[in-house]
């Protein structure tokens, strides 16, 4: 695709993305697909998942003006592809929105094996883009390459919905995958307290998974999670949720997370109660655009009671939040700033780092040792090294 002007024709930039995640998943859409397409650039997803694993298209890198390596793509499995991308000479941006170098047991312990390869690309990429200041601080310990904070912006129109009409029933929404069990432990007791107080007048809708302790309770409803981000937004707008609960335990991993749920819920017309810690207490002003609650059960019961009893205050919370997200955190209003890092690196040459592979040097030596043993010793005994 090209853009014509009075004097010459300008080629529309093409971005090749290398990721384990499909282009329709949330992180892919939020961080890359929606902003780049809104900027009228071409974005090509270079990874395809097949029965026997992933296949990555190398040819698209040659045709691209910029390469984006996404989240946990750096791994042993993708090492050869990474070397190809580096040697292509094309500019490389590495985008992350989670601290994958410090993953707790609840957040996929197998992620630790990715750590050396992530550190390698942190040292090699021409630029790193992250979603929060705290994540930048953590990653800066592992690289001298420039790190830019691209705070999440959302497709406001995709999520926009008017606040739900109030009736005699009040529904609280809690969404997330099984990895949020520790977070949900904060609100298990308060949820049961509210059920005991309000009986059939209140319901808690879990969008995804739910704590085992609450399963089977007649006031608990479970809705299947939608990994397709567009479908997720559509489903979120359909849920009759009058408010949302967003608990978060104190961990270094969680401190680096973004405020994405506040953005999505606010755009969708759903006021929320958020844990009073990073990242939410940087966005949520208590009693203005949401409510903040401590880990004390009484704090959550008090906040839920306020939303249940004070309709006027609840309406004002979501009015403020929705307006703020539209004006300050949407693609419609903040796209140029978000795209500035990509624009800066378009069609530049890759800046090679001779020492980036020190992060995986021990793994390279181990592979060479295993190859030597296999070639010169173990074959004599009809065995292979592990």
Foldseek 3Di string as FASTA:
>chain_A
DWDDDPPGIHRAAEEEEEDPDDCQFDCNCFQPVVLCVVVVHHYHYQWDADPVGIDGDLVVLLVGQEYEYEALRFAPVCVVVVVSNLVSQHAYEYEHAFDLCDDDPLRDPVSNRSNLRVLLVQAFHQEYEYADPLSVVVSVVRYPHHYHHQHTFAALVLQADAAFDDDQAAEEEEEDESSCQVQCVLCPVLVVVVCVVSPPRYAYEYEYDDHPVCPPPPRYHYHHHDRRVSVNSVVLLVDNHQAYEAGDDDDSRQLSHHPVVLLNCLSSNHAYEYECHPPPVVPDDDLAQHHYAYSPSVRVNVRVVCVVPPVVSSNRNSVRSNVCSVQPRHSVHCSVVSCVVVVVRGNNTGDGDPCSSVSCVVVVVVVVVQVCCQVPPCVVVVDHDD
